[in-house]
Amino acid sequence: MNAKRTIRVVGTVAGLGLVAAAVGTELLKPRRKRTWHGRVAGVVPYDFRRPTRRRVKARWWNPDDPRVLTPRAFGVGWDVNVGRLVRH
C-alpha cells in the first residue's frame, strides 16, 4: 500500500470512528435529552441537526467571529470561516 492510500484509509477510519462516537454519545442519553450536537471527548465538535441557512452562514461566513475554524454546520469536525480569512 502506498503512503497516499495509507493516509486516506487512516483518515477515513478516524472520521468514521468520530461519527460513531458522536452518534453513540447521543444514543446513550435518554431520548428527550438528545440534542444531536456537542463534542466527542470534549474536543471534536459534532452537529447532526438539520442545517439552517443561519447556522451555515455563521460557520462559513462570519467576519465578526474571531475563529477561523468553527464547528461544522453539519457533521463532525470543523468548517473554515472564510469571512474571517477575507477580513484579514
C-alpha atoms as a PDB file:
ATOM      1  CA  MET A   1       0.000   0.000   0.000  1.00  0.00           C
ATOM      2  CA  ASN A   2       1.448   3.408  -0.914  1.00  0.00           C
ATOM      3  CA  ALA A   3       1.688   6.332   1.531  1.00  0.00           C
ATOM      4  CA  LYS A   4      -1.179   8.346  -0.018  1.00  0.00           C
ATOM      5  CA  ARG A   5      -3.555   5.447   0.209  1.00  0.00           C
ATOM      6  CA  THR A   6      -2.492   4.679   3.779  1.00  0.00           C
ATOM      7  CA  ILE A   7      -3.162   8.276   4.814  1.00  0.00           C
ATOM      8  CA  ARG A   8      -6.562   8.182   3.079  1.00  0.00           C
ATOM      9  CA  VAL A   9      -7.533   4.925   4.806  1.00  0.00           C
ATOM     10  CA  VAL A  10      -6.406   6.161   8.226  1.00  0.00           C
ATOM     11  CA  GLY A  11      -8.330   9.429   7.715  1.00  0.00           C
ATOM     12  CA  THR A  12     -11.459   7.582   6.668  1.00  0.00           C
ATOM     13  CA  VAL A  13     -11.303   5.196   9.617  1.00  0.00           C
ATOM     14  CA  ALA A  14     -10.697   8.091  12.033  1.00  0.00           C
ATOM     15  CA  GLY A  15     -13.610  10.055  10.554  1.00  0.00           C
ATOM     16  CA  LEU A  16     -15.977   7.107  10.773  1.00  0.00           C
ATOM     17  CA  GLY A  17     -14.826   6.472  14.332  1.00  0.00           C
ATOM     18  CA  LEU A  18     -15.641  10.059  15.296  1.00  0.00           C
ATOM     19  CA  VAL A  19     -19.092   9.822  13.688  1.00  0.00           C
ATOM     20  CA  ALA A  20     -19.754   6.560  15.522  1.00  0.00           C
ATOM     21  CA  ALA A  21     -18.593   8.089  18.812  1.00  0.00           C
ATOM     22  CA  ALA A  22     -20.825  11.144  18.330  1.00  0.00           C
ATOM     23  CA  VAL A  23     -23.897   9.069  17.452  1.00  0.00           C
ATOM     24  CA  GLY A  24     -23.150   6.694  20.328  1.00  0.00           C
ATOM     25  CA  THR A  25     -22.892   9.632  22.725  1.00  0.00           C
ATOM     26  CA  GLU A  26     -26.349  10.805  21.726  1.00  0.00           C
ATOM     27  CA  LEU A  27     -27.933   7.346  21.768  1.00  0.00           C
ATOM     28  CA  LEU A  28     -26.682   6.732  25.304  1.00  0.00           C
ATOM     29  CA  LYS A  29     -28.715   9.727  26.506  1.00  0.00           C
ATOM     30  CA  PRO A  30     -32.395   9.391  27.316  1.00  0.00           C
ATOM     31  CA  ARG A  31     -34.441  10.210  24.207  1.00  0.00           C
ATOM     32  CA  ARG A  32     -35.706  13.561  25.489  1.00  0.00           C
ATOM     33  CA  LYS A  33     -32.171  14.724  26.401  1.00  0.00           C
ATOM     34  CA  ARG A  34     -30.654  14.082  22.965  1.00  0.00           C
ATOM     35  CA  THR A  35     -29.573  17.326  21.327  1.00  0.00           C
ATOM     36  CA  TRP A  36     -27.636  15.826  18.402  1.00  0.00           C
ATOM     37  CA  HIS A  37     -24.868  18.369  18.829  1.00  0.00           C
ATOM     38  CA  GLY A  38     -21.918  18.552  21.180  1.00  0.00           C
ATOM     39  CA  ARG A  39     -18.293  17.393  21.348  1.00  0.00           C
ATOM     40  CA  VAL A  40     -16.648  13.977  21.135  1.00  0.00           C
ATOM     41  CA  ALA A  41     -14.337  13.553  24.141  1.00  0.00           C
ATOM     42  CA  GLY A  42     -14.862  17.248  24.883  1.00  0.00           C
ATOM     43  CA  VAL A  43     -12.747  18.199  21.846  1.00  0.00           C
ATOM     44  CA  VAL A  44     -14.149  17.412  18.391  1.00  0.00           C
ATOM     45  CA  PRO A  45     -17.457  19.177  17.672  1.00  0.00           C
ATOM     46  CA  TYR A  46     -20.403  17.454  16.031  1.00  0.00           C
ATOM     47  CA  ASP A  47     -23.809  18.640  14.881  1.00  0.00           C
ATOM     48  CA  PHE A  48     -26.356  16.290  13.324  1.00  0.00           C
ATOM     49  CA  ARG A  49     -29.277  18.710  13.430  1.00  0.00           C
ATOM     50  CA  ARG A  50     -30.765  19.723  10.103  1.00  0.00           C
ATOM     51  CA  PRO A  51     -28.578  22.565   8.817  1.00  0.00           C
ATOM     52  CA  THR A  52     -30.170  26.001   8.606  1.00  0.00           C
ATOM     53  CA  ARG A  53     -29.113  28.936   6.458  1.00  0.00           C
ATOM     54  CA  ARG A  54     -28.360  30.930   9.580  1.00  0.00           C
ATOM     55  CA  ARG A  55     -26.065  28.241  11.011  1.00  0.00           C
ATOM     56  CA  VAL A  56     -24.281  27.635   7.702  1.00  0.00           C
ATOM     57  CA  LYS A  57     -23.670  31.359   7.263  1.00  0.00           C
ATOM     58  CA  ALA A  58     -22.459  31.705  10.859  1.00  0.00           C
ATOM     59  CA  ARG A  59     -19.957  28.885  10.324  1.00  0.00           C
ATOM     60  CA  TRP A  60     -18.769  29.672   6.781  1.00  0.00           C
ATOM     61  CA  TRP A  61     -19.086  33.460   6.537  1.00  0.00           C
ATOM     62  CA  ASN A  62     -18.868  35.339   9.819  1.00  0.00           C
ATOM     63  CA  PRO A  63     -16.141  38.001   9.700  1.00  0.00           C
ATOM     64  CA  ASP A  64     -17.049  39.124  13.242  1.00  0.00           C
ATOM     65  CA  ASP A  65     -16.261  35.695  14.734  1.00  0.00           C
ATOM     66  CA  PRO A  66     -12.577  35.627  15.775  1.00  0.00           C
ATOM     67  CA  ARG A  67     -12.312  31.894  14.965  1.00  0.00           C
ATOM     68  CA  VAL A  68     -11.022  30.708  11.599  1.00  0.00           C
ATOM     69  CA  LEU A  69     -12.131  27.147  12.357  1.00  0.00           C
ATOM     70  CA  THR A  70     -15.723  26.841  13.551  1.00  0.00           C
ATOM     71  CA  PRO A  71     -17.760  23.748  14.459  1.00  0.00           C
ATOM     72  CA  ARG A  72     -19.257  22.150  11.343  1.00  0.00           C
ATOM     73  CA  ALA A  73     -22.684  23.285  10.251  1.00  0.00           C
ATOM     74  CA  PHE A  74     -23.485  19.573   9.810  1.00  0.00           C
ATOM     75  CA  GLY A  75     -21.333  16.578  10.667  1.00  0.00           C
ATOM     76  CA  VAL A  76     -18.200  16.077  12.733  1.00  0.00           C
ATOM     77  CA  GLY A  77     -15.190  18.381  12.852  1.00  0.00           C
ATOM     78  CA  TRP A  78     -14.631  21.959  11.792  1.00  0.00           C
ATOM     79  CA  ASP A  79     -15.573  24.311   8.949  1.00  0.00           C
ATOM     80  CA  VAL A  80     -13.460  27.210   7.691  1.00  0.00           C
ATOM     81  CA  ASN A  81     -14.856  30.652   8.440  1.00  0.00           C
ATOM     82  CA  VAL A  82     -13.984  32.230   5.083  1.00  0.00           C
ATOM     83  CA  GLY A  83     -15.423  35.564   6.222  1.00  0.00           C
ATOM     84  CA  ARG A  84     -12.745  35.805   8.899  1.00  0.00           C
ATOM     85  CA  LEU A  85      -9.988  34.975   6.416  1.00  0.00           C
ATOM     86  CA  VAL A  86     -11.172  37.615   3.939  1.00  0.00           C
ATOM     87  CA  ARG A  87     -11.460  40.231   6.645  1.00  0.00           C
ATOM     88  CA  HIS A  88      -7.746  39.980   7.470  1.00  0.00           C
END
